[in-house]
């Protein structure tokens, strides 16, 4: 079932979130349509 409220946030906003909590070298490793793998290093 699809819910109107069930929408992903914009990828670049998610990247900013993890940068704001202290992750460094954040990168998007893979993306395909609505799916993405990204991460960073937390010192």
N, C-alpha and C. Protein backbone atom coordinates (compact mmCIF):
# COMPACT_ATOMS: atom_id res chain seq x y z
N UNK A 1 0.84 -1.18 0.00
CA UNK A 1 0.00 0.00 0.00
C UNK A 1 0.88 1.24 0.00
N UNK A 2 0.51 2.19 -0.79
CA UNK A 2 1.25 3.45 -0.88
C UNK A 2 0.52 4.52 -0.07
N UNK A 3 1.25 5.20 0.77
CA UNK A 3 0.68 6.28 1.55
C UNK A 3 1.18 7.61 1.03
N UNK A 4 0.30 8.58 0.95
CA UNK A 4 0.66 9.90 0.45
C UNK A 4 1.81 10.50 1.25
N UNK A 5 1.82 10.26 2.58
CA UNK A 5 2.85 10.83 3.45
C UNK A 5 4.18 10.09 3.36
N UNK A 6 4.19 8.91 2.76
CA UNK A 6 5.39 8.07 2.71
C UNK A 6 6.25 8.48 1.53
N UNK A 7 6.96 9.59 1.71
CA UNK A 7 7.80 10.12 0.64
C UNK A 7 9.20 10.35 1.18
N UNK A 8 10.21 9.93 0.44
CA UNK A 8 11.58 10.14 0.92
C UNK A 8 11.97 11.62 0.87
N UNK A 9 12.86 11.99 1.74
CA UNK A 9 13.40 13.34 1.71
C UNK A 9 14.36 13.46 0.53
N UNK A 10 14.62 14.67 0.13
CA UNK A 10 15.56 14.92 -0.96
C UNK A 10 16.95 14.43 -0.53
N UNK A 11 17.62 13.74 -1.41
CA UNK A 11 18.92 13.13 -1.09
C UNK A 11 19.92 14.17 -0.59
N UNK A 12 20.01 15.30 -1.23
CA UNK A 12 20.98 16.31 -0.80
C UNK A 12 20.67 16.83 0.60
N UNK A 13 19.39 16.84 0.98
CA UNK A 13 19.03 17.23 2.35
C UNK A 13 19.53 16.18 3.34
N UNK A 14 19.40 14.91 2.99
CA UNK A 14 19.88 13.85 3.87
C UNK A 14 21.40 13.92 4.02
N UNK A 15 22.09 14.25 2.95
CA UNK A 15 23.54 14.40 3.00
C UNK A 15 23.90 15.54 3.96
N UNK A 16 23.18 16.65 3.89
CA UNK A 16 23.43 17.76 4.80
C UNK A 16 23.18 17.36 6.25
N UNK A 17 22.16 16.55 6.51
CA UNK A 17 21.87 16.08 7.87
C UNK A 17 23.08 15.38 8.46
N UNK A 18 23.65 14.44 7.70
CA UNK A 18 24.76 13.68 8.28
C UNK A 18 26.03 14.52 8.38
N UNK A 19 26.18 15.50 7.51
CA UNK A 19 27.31 16.43 7.66
C UNK A 19 27.13 17.26 8.92
N UNK A 20 25.90 17.69 9.18
CA UNK A 20 25.62 18.54 10.34
C UNK A 20 25.83 17.83 11.66
N UNK A 21 25.75 16.51 11.69
CA UNK A 21 25.96 15.79 12.95
C UNK A 21 27.40 15.29 13.08
N UNK A 22 28.27 15.73 12.17
CA UNK A 22 29.69 15.48 12.36
C UNK A 22 30.37 14.52 11.40
N UNK A 23 29.65 13.97 10.43
CA UNK A 23 30.30 13.08 9.48
C UNK A 23 31.13 13.88 8.49
N UNK A 24 32.26 13.32 8.09
CA UNK A 24 33.15 13.95 7.12
C UNK A 24 33.28 13.04 5.90
N UNK A 25 33.81 13.60 4.83
CA UNK A 25 34.02 12.85 3.59
C UNK A 25 32.74 12.12 3.16
N UNK A 26 31.62 12.81 3.25
CA UNK A 26 30.33 12.22 2.89
C UNK A 26 30.27 12.08 1.37
N UNK A 27 29.81 10.92 0.93
CA UNK A 27 29.76 10.65 -0.51
C UNK A 27 28.57 9.76 -0.83
N UNK A 28 28.04 9.92 -2.02
CA UNK A 28 26.99 9.05 -2.53
C UNK A 28 27.68 7.96 -3.34
N UNK A 29 27.56 6.72 -2.88
CA UNK A 29 28.26 5.61 -3.50
C UNK A 29 27.48 5.06 -4.69
N UNK A 30 26.16 5.02 -4.56
CA UNK A 30 25.32 4.41 -5.59
C UNK A 30 23.93 5.02 -5.51
N UNK A 31 23.30 5.28 -6.64
CA UNK A 31 21.90 5.70 -6.64
C UNK A 31 21.19 5.18 -7.88
N UNK A 32 19.93 4.86 -7.68
CA UNK A 32 19.11 4.31 -8.75
C UNK A 32 17.66 4.66 -8.42
N UNK A 33 17.06 5.52 -9.22
CA UNK A 33 15.70 6.01 -8.98
C UNK A 33 15.58 6.56 -7.56
N UNK A 34 14.73 5.98 -6.72
CA UNK A 34 14.51 6.48 -5.35
C UNK A 34 15.44 5.85 -4.33
N UNK A 35 16.40 5.08 -4.75
CA UNK A 35 17.28 4.35 -3.83
C UNK A 35 18.68 4.94 -3.88
N UNK A 36 19.35 4.96 -2.74
CA UNK A 36 20.72 5.48 -2.70
C UNK A 36 21.48 4.84 -1.54
N UNK A 37 22.78 4.72 -1.74
CA UNK A 37 23.69 4.29 -0.69
C UNK A 37 24.69 5.42 -0.51
N UNK A 38 24.76 5.91 0.70
CA UNK A 38 25.70 6.99 0.97
C UNK A 38 26.24 6.84 2.38
N UNK A 39 27.32 7.51 2.65
CA UNK A 39 27.90 7.42 3.98
C UNK A 39 29.05 8.38 4.13
N UNK A 40 29.67 8.31 5.28
CA UNK A 40 30.80 9.17 5.58
C UNK A 40 31.58 8.60 6.75
N UNK A 41 32.54 9.37 7.18
CA UNK A 41 33.39 8.96 8.30
C UNK A 41 33.10 9.88 9.47
N UNK A 42 32.90 9.29 10.64
CA UNK A 42 32.69 10.08 11.85
C UNK A 42 33.94 9.98 12.70
N UNK A 43 34.69 11.09 12.78
CA UNK A 43 35.95 11.06 13.53
C UNK A 43 35.74 10.92 15.04
